[in-house]
C-alpha atoms as a PDB file:
ATOM      1  CA  MET A   1      72.054 -53.016 -38.625  1.00  0.00           C
ATOM      2  CA  PHE A   2      69.927 -50.317 -36.987  1.00  0.00           C
ATOM      3  CA  LYS A   3      69.165 -52.640 -34.018  1.00  0.00           C
ATOM      4  CA  GLU A   4      72.844 -53.529 -33.736  1.00  0.00           C
ATOM      5  CA  GLN A   5      73.751 -49.856 -33.231  1.00  0.00           C
ATOM      6  CA  ILE A   6      70.825 -48.790 -31.032  1.00  0.00           C
ATOM      7  CA  LYS A   7      71.103 -51.631 -28.519  1.00  0.00           C
ATOM      8  CA  PRO A   8      74.754 -50.935 -27.447  1.00  0.00           C
ATOM      9  CA  ALA A   9      74.175 -47.170 -27.498  1.00  0.00           C
ATOM     10  CA  LEU A  10      71.102 -47.548 -25.296  1.00  0.00           C
ATOM     11  CA  LEU A  11      72.973 -49.905 -22.956  1.00  0.00           C
ATOM     12  CA  ILE A  12      75.911 -47.481 -22.642  1.00  0.00           C
ATOM     13  CA  PHE A  13      73.458 -44.615 -22.054  1.00  0.00           C
ATOM     14  CA  LEU A  14      71.717 -46.518 -19.226  1.00  0.00           C
ATOM     15  CA  VAL A  15      75.006 -47.610 -17.610  1.00  0.00           C
ATOM     16  CA  LEU A  16      76.480 -44.083 -17.716  1.00  0.00           C
ATOM     17  CA  THR A  17      73.209 -42.615 -16.421  1.00  0.00           C
ATOM     18  CA  ALA A  18      73.293 -45.033 -13.478  1.00  0.00           C
ATOM     19  CA  ILE A  19      76.962 -44.258 -12.753  1.00  0.00           C
ATOM     20  CA  THR A  20      76.903 -40.463 -13.171  1.00  0.00           C
ATOM     21  CA  GLY A  21      73.288 -39.839 -12.165  1.00  0.00           C
ATOM     22  CA  VAL A  22      72.867 -42.225  -9.232  1.00  0.00           C
ATOM     23  CA  ILE A  23      75.990 -44.022  -7.989  1.00  0.00           C
ATOM     24  CA  TYR A  24      78.432 -41.076  -8.107  1.00  0.00           C
ATOM     25  CA  PRO A  25      76.042 -38.550  -6.453  1.00  0.00           C
ATOM     26  CA  LEU A  26      75.170 -41.059  -3.711  1.00  0.00           C
ATOM     27  CA  PHE A  27      78.861 -41.788  -3.098  1.00  0.00           C
ATOM     28  CA  ILE A  28      79.776 -38.086  -2.908  1.00  0.00           C
ATOM     29  CA  THR A  29      76.788 -37.298  -0.655  1.00  0.00           C
ATOM     30  CA  GLY A  30      77.666 -40.192   1.648  1.00  0.00           C
ATOM     31  CA  ALA A  31      81.340 -39.202   1.787  1.00  0.00           C
ATOM     32  CA  ALA A  32      80.417 -35.573   2.521  1.00  0.00           C
ATOM     33  CA  GLN A  33      78.022 -36.631   5.296  1.00  0.00           C
ATOM     34  CA  LEU A  34      80.691 -38.882   6.788  1.00  0.00           C
ATOM     35  CA  LEU A  35      83.690 -36.537   6.488  1.00  0.00           C
ATOM     36  CA  PHE A  36      82.080 -33.074   6.708  1.00  0.00           C
ATOM     37  CA  PRO A  37      78.612 -33.464   8.281  1.00  0.00           C
ATOM     38  CA  ARG A  38      78.257 -29.854   9.489  1.00  0.00           C
ATOM     39  CA  GLN A  39      79.333 -28.310   6.184  1.00  0.00           C
ATOM     40  CA  SER A  40      77.353 -30.698   3.978  1.00  0.00           C
ATOM     41  CA  ASN A  41      74.199 -29.834   5.907  1.00  0.00           C
ATOM     42  CA  GLY A  42      74.554 -26.073   5.361  1.00  0.00           C
ATOM     43  CA  SER A  43      76.773 -25.026   8.301  1.00  0.00           C
ATOM     44  CA  LEU A  44      73.609 -24.314  10.262  1.00  0.00           C
ATOM     45  CA  ILE A  45      73.713 -22.464  13.569  1.00  0.00           C
ATOM     46  CA  TYR A  46      71.354 -23.666  16.277  1.00  0.00           C
ATOM     47  CA  GLN A  47      70.195 -21.791  19.343  1.00  0.00           C
ATOM     48  CA  GLN A  48      67.969 -23.527  21.890  1.00  0.00           C
ATOM     49  CA  GLY A  49      67.342 -26.333  19.398  1.00  0.00           C
ATOM     50  CA  LYS A  50      66.164 -24.034  16.601  1.00  0.00           C
ATOM     51  CA  VAL A  51      67.985 -23.083  13.427  1.00  0.00           C
ATOM     52  CA  VAL A  52      68.774 -19.357  13.538  1.00  0.00           C
ATOM     53  CA  GLY A  53      70.875 -19.159  10.392  1.00  0.00           C
ATOM     54  CA  SER A  54      73.924 -20.422   8.591  1.00  0.00           C
ATOM     55  CA  SER A  55      77.508 -19.368   9.125  1.00  0.00           C
ATOM     56  CA  LEU A  56      77.779 -19.150   5.322  1.00  0.00           C
ATOM     57  CA  ILE A  57      74.925 -16.722   4.581  1.00  0.00           C
ATOM     58  CA  GLY A  58      74.633 -13.215   5.985  1.00  0.00           C
ATOM     59  CA  GLN A  59      71.583 -11.797   7.694  1.00  0.00           C
ATOM     60  CA  ALA A  60      70.258  -8.271   7.917  1.00  0.00           C
ATOM     61  CA  PHE A  61      70.999  -6.483  11.189  1.00  0.00           C
ATOM     62  CA  ASP A  62      70.027  -2.829  11.495  1.00  0.00           C
ATOM     63  CA  ASP A  63      69.566  -2.503  15.255  1.00  0.00           C
ATOM     64  CA  PRO A  64      72.508  -0.355  16.467  1.00  0.00           C
ATOM     65  CA  LYS A  65      73.289  -2.758  19.332  1.00  0.00           C
ATOM     66  CA  TYR A  66      74.340  -5.370  16.751  1.00  0.00           C
ATOM     67  CA  LEU A  67      77.327  -5.700  14.474  1.00  0.00           C
ATOM     68  CA  TRP A  68      76.199  -4.692  10.981  1.00  0.00           C
ATOM     69  CA  GLY A  69      77.286  -6.723   7.974  1.00  0.00           C
ATOM     70  CA  ARG A  70      77.725  -5.939   4.328  1.00  0.00           C
ATOM     71  CA  ILE A  71      74.868  -4.608   2.271  1.00  0.00           C
ATOM     72  CA  SER A  72      73.031  -7.348   0.384  1.00  0.00           C
ATOM     73  CA  ALA A  73      72.263  -6.772  -3.284  1.00  0.00           C
ATOM     74  CA  ALA A  74      69.953  -9.808  -3.278  1.00  0.00           C
ATOM     75  CA  SER A  75      66.257  -9.079  -3.193  1.00  0.00           C
ATOM     76  CA  PRO A  76      64.941  -9.655  -0.590  1.00  0.00           C
ATOM     77  CA  GLN A  77      68.125  -9.153   1.406  1.00  0.00           C
ATOM     78  CA  TYR A  78      70.323 -12.226   1.923  1.00  0.00           C
ATOM     79  CA  ASN A  79      67.959 -14.465  -0.046  1.00  0.00           C
ATOM     80  CA  ALA A  80      70.150 -17.375  -1.167  1.00  0.00           C
ATOM     81  CA  ALA A  81      67.743 -18.142  -4.020  1.00  0.00           C
ATOM     82  CA  ALA A  82      68.314 -14.628  -5.388  1.00  0.00           C
ATOM     83  CA  SER A  83      72.081 -14.411  -4.954  1.00  0.00           C
ATOM     84  CA  SER A  84      73.545 -11.706  -7.116  1.00  0.00           C
ATOM     85  CA  GLY A  85      75.689  -8.654  -7.154  1.00  0.00           C
ATOM     86  CA  SER A  86      74.246  -5.253  -7.877  1.00  0.00           C
ATOM     87  CA  ASN A  87      76.133  -4.898 -11.180  1.00  0.00           C
ATOM     88  CA  ILE A  88      76.201  -1.167 -10.522  1.00  0.00           C
ATOM     89  CA  GLY A  89      79.394   0.469 -11.759  1.00  0.00           C
ATOM     90  CA  PRO A  90      81.404   3.034  -9.776  1.00  0.00           C
ATOM     91  CA  ALA A  91      80.093   5.962 -11.821  1.00  0.00           C
ATOM     92  CA  ASN A  92      76.446   4.922 -11.490  1.00  0.00           C
ATOM     93  CA  PRO A  93      74.384   7.410  -9.442  1.00  0.00           C
ATOM     94  CA  ALA A  94      72.503   4.496  -7.837  1.00  0.00           C
ATOM     95  CA  LEU A  95      75.750   3.236  -6.267  1.00  0.00           C
ATOM     96  CA  ILE A  96      76.645   6.702  -5.020  1.00  0.00           C
ATOM     97  CA  GLU A  97      73.149   7.037  -3.531  1.00  0.00           C
ATOM     98  CA  ALA A  98      73.332   3.607  -1.838  1.00  0.00           C
ATOM     99  CA  VAL A  99      76.771   4.317  -0.365  1.00  0.00           C
ATOM    100  CA  SER A 100      75.678   7.779   0.819  1.00  0.00           C
ATOM    101  CA  GLY A 101      72.607   6.288   2.473  1.00  0.00           C
ATOM    102  CA  ARG A 102      74.650   3.663   4.298  1.00  0.00           C
ATOM    103  CA  ILE A 103      77.176   6.305   5.442  1.00  0.00           C
ATOM    104  CA  LYS A 104      74.308   8.401   6.839  1.00  0.00           C
ATOM    105  CA  ALA A 105      72.879   5.362   8.652  1.00  0.00           C
ATOM    106  CA  LEU A 106      76.271   4.509  10.177  1.00  0.00           C
ATOM    107  CA  LYS A 107      76.841   8.108  11.303  1.00  0.00           C
ATOM    108  CA  ALA A 108      73.308   8.386  12.703  1.00  0.00           C
ATOM    109  CA  ALA A 109      73.802   5.188  14.711  1.00  0.00           C
ATOM    110  CA  ASP A 110      77.126   6.414  16.147  1.00  0.00           C
ATOM    111  CA  PRO A 111      77.502  10.202  15.717  1.00  0.00           C
ATOM    112  CA  GLU A 112      80.562  10.348  17.985  1.00  0.00           C
ATOM    113  CA  ASN A 113      82.548   7.986  15.766  1.00  0.00           C
ATOM    114  CA  THR A 114      84.805  10.099  13.560  1.00  0.00           C
ATOM    115  CA  GLY A 115      86.834   7.188  12.175  1.00  0.00           C
ATOM    116  CA  LEU A 116      87.025   6.338   8.512  1.00  0.00           C
ATOM    117  CA  ILE A 117      84.201   4.029   7.469  1.00  0.00           C
ATOM    118  CA  PRO A 118      85.557   0.782   5.982  1.00  0.00           C
ATOM    119  CA  VAL A 119      84.437   0.173   2.414  1.00  0.00           C
ATOM    120  CA  ASP A 120      82.843  -3.197   3.179  1.00  0.00           C
ATOM    121  CA  LEU A 121      80.263  -1.482   5.404  1.00  0.00           C
ATOM    122  CA  VAL A 122      78.967   0.625   2.526  1.00  0.00           C
ATOM    123  CA  THR A 123      79.229  -1.702  -0.478  1.00  0.00           C
ATOM    124  CA  ALA A 124      77.649  -5.046  -1.365  1.00  0.00           C
ATOM    125  CA  SER A 125      79.565  -8.238  -1.930  1.00  0.00           C
ATOM    126  CA  ALA A 126      79.513 -10.002  -5.291  1.00  0.00           C
ATOM    127  CA  SER A 127      77.046 -12.636  -4.101  1.00  0.00           C
ATOM    128  CA  GLY A 128      74.936 -10.382  -1.895  1.00  0.00           C
ATOM    129  CA  LEU A 129      75.141 -13.105   0.779  1.00  0.00           C
ATOM    130  CA  ASP A 130      78.486 -12.440   2.441  1.00  0.00           C
ATOM    131  CA  PRO A 131      78.348 -13.402   6.147  1.00  0.00           C
ATOM    132  CA  HIS A 132      81.685 -11.754   6.960  1.00  0.00           C
ATOM    133  CA  ILE A 133      83.117  -8.293   7.397  1.00  0.00           C
ATOM    134  CA  SER A 134      86.702  -7.151   7.764  1.00  0.00           C
ATOM    135  CA  LEU A 135      88.334  -6.584  11.134  1.00  0.00           C
ATOM    136  CA  ALA A 136      88.377  -2.865  10.324  1.00  0.00           C
ATOM    137  CA  ALA A 137      84.591  -2.910   9.786  1.00  0.00           C
ATOM    138  CA  ALA A 138      84.069  -4.719  13.087  1.00  0.00           C
ATOM    139  CA  ASP A 139      86.450  -2.371  14.952  1.00  0.00           C
ATOM    140  CA  TYR A 140      84.592   0.643  13.531  1.00  0.00           C
ATOM    141  CA  GLN A 141      81.419  -0.565  15.289  1.00  0.00           C
ATOM    142  CA  VAL A 142      82.903  -1.517  18.683  1.00  0.00           C
ATOM    143  CA  SER A 143      82.231   1.758  20.523  1.00  0.00           C
ATOM    144  CA  ARG A 144      78.579   1.890  19.412  1.00  0.00           C
ATOM    145  CA  ILE A 145      77.889  -1.715  20.415  1.00  0.00           C
ATOM    146  CA  ALA A 146      79.715  -1.354  23.746  1.00  0.00           C
ATOM    147  CA  ARG A 147      77.827   1.833  24.632  1.00  0.00           C
ATOM    148  CA  LEU A 148      74.385   0.433  23.725  1.00  0.00           C
ATOM    149  CA  ARG A 149      74.936  -2.878  25.494  1.00  0.00           C
ATOM    150  CA  GLY A 150      76.628  -1.426  28.570  1.00  0.00           C
ATOM    151  CA  LEU A 151      79.828  -3.363  27.896  1.00  0.00           C
ATOM    152  CA  THR A 152      83.419  -2.227  27.760  1.00  0.00           C
ATOM    153  CA  PRO A 153      84.989  -1.884  24.323  1.00  0.00           C
ATOM    154  CA  ASP A 154      87.517  -4.556  25.345  1.00  0.00           C
ATOM    155  CA  THR A 155      84.695  -7.012  26.057  1.00  0.00           C
ATOM    156  CA  VAL A 156      83.130  -6.384  22.639  1.00  0.00           C
ATOM    157  CA  LYS A 157      86.558  -6.786  20.993  1.00  0.00           C
ATOM    158  CA  MET A 158      87.043 -10.086  22.855  1.00  0.00           C
ATOM    159  CA  ILE A 159      83.695 -11.394  21.560  1.00  0.00           C
ATOM    160  CA  ILE A 160      84.576 -10.274  18.026  1.00  0.00           C
ATOM    161  CA  ALA A 161      87.981 -11.986  18.271  1.00  0.00           C
ATOM    162  CA  ARG A 162      86.290 -15.288  19.141  1.00  0.00           C
ATOM    163  CA  HIS A 163      84.361 -15.155  15.871  1.00  0.00           C
ATOM    164  CA  THR A 164      87.219 -14.036  13.650  1.00  0.00           C
ATOM    165  CA  SER A 165      88.689 -16.407  11.090  1.00  0.00           C
ATOM    166  CA  GLY A 166      92.322 -15.968  10.117  1.00  0.00           C
ATOM    167  CA  ARG A 167      93.808 -15.971   6.663  1.00  0.00           C
ATOM    168  CA  LEU A 168      93.141 -19.071   4.558  1.00  0.00           C
ATOM    169  CA  LEU A 169      96.163 -21.389   4.883  1.00  0.00           C
ATOM    170  CA  GLY A 170      97.821 -18.639   6.912  1.00  0.00           C
ATOM    171  CA  PHE A 171      98.556 -16.317   3.991  1.00  0.00           C
ATOM    172  CA  ILE A 172      95.570 -16.009   1.611  1.00  0.00           C
ATOM    173  CA  GLY A 173      93.153 -13.111   2.086  1.00  0.00           C
ATOM    174  CA  GLU A 174      92.489 -11.129   5.227  1.00  0.00           C
ATOM    175  CA  PRO A 175      91.030 -12.139   8.595  1.00  0.00           C
ATOM    176  CA  VAL A 176      87.226 -11.835   8.648  1.00  0.00           C
ATOM    177  CA  VAL A 177      84.520 -11.637  11.311  1.00  0.00           C
ATOM    178  CA  ASN A 178      81.317 -13.699  11.070  1.00  0.00           C
ATOM    179  CA  VAL A 179      78.524 -11.213  11.767  1.00  0.00           C
ATOM    180  CA  LEU A 180      75.768 -13.664  12.749  1.00  0.00           C
ATOM    181  CA  GLU A 181      77.979 -15.678  15.097  1.00  0.00           C
ATOM    182  CA  THR A 182      79.249 -12.489  16.748  1.00  0.00           C
ATOM    183  CA  ASN A 183      75.744 -11.086  17.220  1.00  0.00           C
ATOM    184  CA  LEU A 184      74.494 -14.328  18.742  1.00  0.00           C
ATOM    185  CA  ALA A 185      77.466 -14.293  21.129  1.00  0.00           C
ATOM    186  CA  LEU A 186      76.721 -10.658  22.044  1.00  0.00           C
ATOM    187  CA  ASP A 187      73.122 -11.610  22.868  1.00  0.00           C
ATOM    188  CA  THR A 188      74.172 -14.499  25.100  1.00  0.00           C
ATOM    189  CA  TYR A 189      77.099 -12.737  26.819  1.00  0.00           C
ATOM    190  CA  LYS A 190      76.683 -12.535  30.574  1.00  0.00           C
ATOM    191  CA  LYS A 191      78.343  -9.624  32.339  1.00  0.00           C
END
């Protein structure tokens, strides 16, 4: 009786392991490669044949001639293997200190800018990897970037517009700007 129960159970286990552990993953991987090759390979961005990043993971930019992204709570910054939020509450002195430090850095980089600083420039995203900022955050930085690169503000706004994604399905969320793509375009822009 014991053999009669073990043999079918073992057979079912092996068949389900083959289906769910081998066949299904291979099918899904193949379908993803066929239908969405760029996305299934990490949405990598190439420049001169070299990978410079992914459009899905932010990078640290602190040079004032670049568009700055959100703060990364991951350690080290933007490390996809260490994705996490800060888990610091609004009353925590560490959050107040981090926000104050970022405000000082933004004002030091562009002392003439008296506009309100958008919240996404001084707070981290939930994942710590966010590659996007709001249009307001990008607009806040236009004058600094234009001045340091010797471009007109309209030119910088045009470059930002090219790397802005609209609302999902036309009505979900807000338009966002991809920081890495915009910075690469700024570097390659010819006057």
